[in-house]
Amino acid sequence: MDILFVLIPLSVVLALVVLAGLWWAVYRGQFEDIEEEGRRIFEEDKE
C-alpha cells in the first residue's frame, strides 16, 4: 500500500511531462505539414 504513495504522484508527473512535450511540439509547428516528409522520400537528391 505504501508504494501507491510513490507511484501515483510519479505517474501524474510523467503524464504532465508527456503532455508538456506534446504541447511544445504542437506550439513549435512540428505537425504543420506531415505530408511533406512522405513526399520528400520520393524526390531525388539534388546533391
N, C-alpha and C. Protein backbone atom coordinates (compact mmCIF):
# COMPACT_ATOMS: atom_id res chain seq x y z
N MET A 1 0.82 -1.20 0.00
CA MET A 1 0.00 0.00 0.00
C MET A 1 0.87 1.27 0.00
N ASP A 2 2.01 1.21 0.67
CA ASP A 2 2.88 2.38 0.75
C ASP A 2 3.45 2.76 -0.61
N ILE A 3 3.61 1.78 -1.48
CA ILE A 3 4.18 2.07 -2.79
C ILE A 3 3.25 2.95 -3.62
N LEU A 4 1.95 2.91 -3.33
CA LEU A 4 1.00 3.75 -4.06
C LEU A 4 1.25 5.24 -3.81
N PHE A 5 1.78 5.56 -2.64
CA PHE A 5 2.09 6.96 -2.33
C PHE A 5 3.26 7.46 -3.18
N VAL A 6 4.02 6.56 -3.76
CA VAL A 6 5.11 6.93 -4.66
C VAL A 6 4.66 6.83 -6.11
N LEU A 7 3.97 5.76 -6.45
CA LEU A 7 3.62 5.51 -7.84
C LEU A 7 2.57 6.46 -8.40
N ILE A 8 1.59 6.84 -7.61
CA ILE A 8 0.54 7.73 -8.10
C ILE A 8 1.09 9.12 -8.42
N PRO A 9 1.82 9.78 -7.53
CA PRO A 9 2.41 11.08 -7.92
C PRO A 9 3.41 10.96 -9.05
N LEU A 10 4.16 9.86 -9.10
CA LEU A 10 5.11 9.66 -10.18
C LEU A 10 4.41 9.54 -11.53
N SER A 11 3.29 8.84 -11.55
CA SER A 11 2.54 8.70 -12.81
C SER A 11 1.90 10.02 -13.21
N VAL A 12 1.47 10.82 -12.27
CA VAL A 12 0.91 12.13 -12.59
C VAL A 12 1.98 13.04 -13.16
N VAL A 13 3.16 13.02 -12.57
CA VAL A 13 4.27 13.84 -13.07
C VAL A 13 4.67 13.38 -14.47
N LEU A 14 4.72 12.08 -14.69
CA LEU A 14 5.07 11.56 -16.00
C LEU A 14 4.03 11.96 -17.05
N ALA A 15 2.76 11.90 -16.70
CA ALA A 15 1.70 12.32 -17.62
C ALA A 15 1.82 13.81 -17.95
N LEU A 16 2.15 14.62 -16.97
CA LEU A 16 2.32 16.05 -17.20
C LEU A 16 3.52 16.33 -18.11
N VAL A 17 4.59 15.57 -17.96
CA VAL A 17 5.76 15.72 -18.81
C VAL A 17 5.41 15.36 -20.26
N VAL A 18 4.67 14.28 -20.45
CA VAL A 18 4.26 13.88 -21.79
C VAL A 18 3.36 14.93 -22.42
N LEU A 19 2.40 15.44 -21.67
CA LEU A 19 1.51 16.48 -22.18
C LEU A 19 2.27 17.77 -22.49
N ALA A 20 3.24 18.11 -21.68
CA ALA A 20 4.04 19.31 -21.94
C ALA A 20 4.87 19.12 -23.21
N GLY A 21 5.40 17.93 -23.42
CA GLY A 21 6.16 17.65 -24.65
C GLY A 21 5.28 17.72 -25.88
N LEU A 22 4.08 17.20 -25.79
CA LEU A 22 3.14 17.27 -26.91
C LEU A 22 2.74 18.72 -27.18
N TRP A 23 2.47 19.49 -26.14
CA TRP A 23 2.11 20.89 -26.31
C TRP A 23 3.26 21.66 -26.97
N TRP A 24 4.49 21.37 -26.53
CA TRP A 24 5.66 22.04 -27.09
C TRP A 24 5.79 21.72 -28.58
N ALA A 25 5.60 20.46 -28.94
CA ALA A 25 5.73 20.06 -30.34
C ALA A 25 4.67 20.73 -31.21
N VAL A 26 3.46 20.82 -30.72
CA VAL A 26 2.40 21.48 -31.48
C VAL A 26 2.67 22.97 -31.57
N TYR A 27 3.09 23.57 -30.49
CA TYR A 27 3.37 25.01 -30.45
C TYR A 27 4.52 25.38 -31.38
N ARG A 28 5.53 24.52 -31.50
CA ARG A 28 6.69 24.80 -32.34
C ARG A 28 6.47 24.44 -33.80
N GLY A 29 5.30 23.90 -34.15
CA GLY A 29 4.97 23.63 -35.54
C GLY A 29 5.46 22.30 -36.07
N GLN A 30 5.65 21.33 -35.21
CA GLN A 30 6.15 20.03 -35.64
C GLN A 30 5.14 19.27 -36.49
N PHE A 31 3.86 19.59 -36.38
CA PHE A 31 2.82 18.86 -37.09
C PHE A 31 2.14 19.72 -38.15
N GLU A 32 2.81 20.75 -38.62
CA GLU A 32 2.21 21.64 -39.61
C GLU A 32 1.99 20.95 -40.95
N ASP A 33 3.00 20.32 -41.50
CA ASP A 33 2.89 19.69 -42.82
C ASP A 33 3.46 18.28 -42.74
N ILE A 34 2.63 17.35 -42.32
CA ILE A 34 3.12 15.98 -42.15
C ILE A 34 3.22 15.24 -43.48
N GLU A 35 2.58 15.75 -44.53
CA GLU A 35 2.65 15.11 -45.84
C GLU A 35 3.98 15.39 -46.54
N GLU A 36 4.64 16.46 -46.19
CA GLU A 36 5.89 16.85 -46.85
C GLU A 36 6.97 15.77 -46.67
N GLU A 37 7.06 15.21 -45.50
CA GLU A 37 8.09 14.20 -45.25
C GLU A 37 7.84 12.95 -46.10
N GLY A 38 6.60 12.60 -46.31
CA GLY A 38 6.30 11.46 -47.17
C GLY A 38 6.65 11.73 -48.63
N ARG A 39 6.44 12.93 -49.08
CA ARG A 39 6.79 13.29 -50.46
C ARG A 39 8.30 13.41 -50.64
N ARG A 40 8.98 13.83 -49.63
CA ARG A 40 10.42 14.04 -49.71
C ARG A 40 11.17 12.73 -49.98
N ILE A 41 10.61 11.62 -49.55
CA ILE A 41 11.26 10.33 -49.76
C ILE A 41 11.34 10.02 -51.24
N PHE A 42 10.31 10.38 -51.99
CA PHE A 42 10.23 10.03 -53.40
C PHE A 42 10.99 11.00 -54.32
N GLU A 43 11.37 12.15 -53.80
CA GLU A 43 12.11 13.11 -54.61
C GLU A 43 13.57 12.69 -54.71
N GLU A 44 14.18 13.02 -55.81
CA GLU A 44 15.60 12.71 -55.98
C GLU A 44 16.44 13.73 -55.23
N ASP A 45 17.59 13.28 -54.80
CA ASP A 45 18.52 14.19 -54.14
C ASP A 45 19.09 15.17 -55.14
N LYS A 46 19.25 16.41 -54.74
CA LYS A 46 19.74 17.44 -55.63
C LYS A 46 21.23 17.67 -55.43
N GLU A 47 21.88 16.82 -54.70
CA GLU A 47 23.32 16.98 -54.43
C GLU A 47 24.16 16.35 -55.50
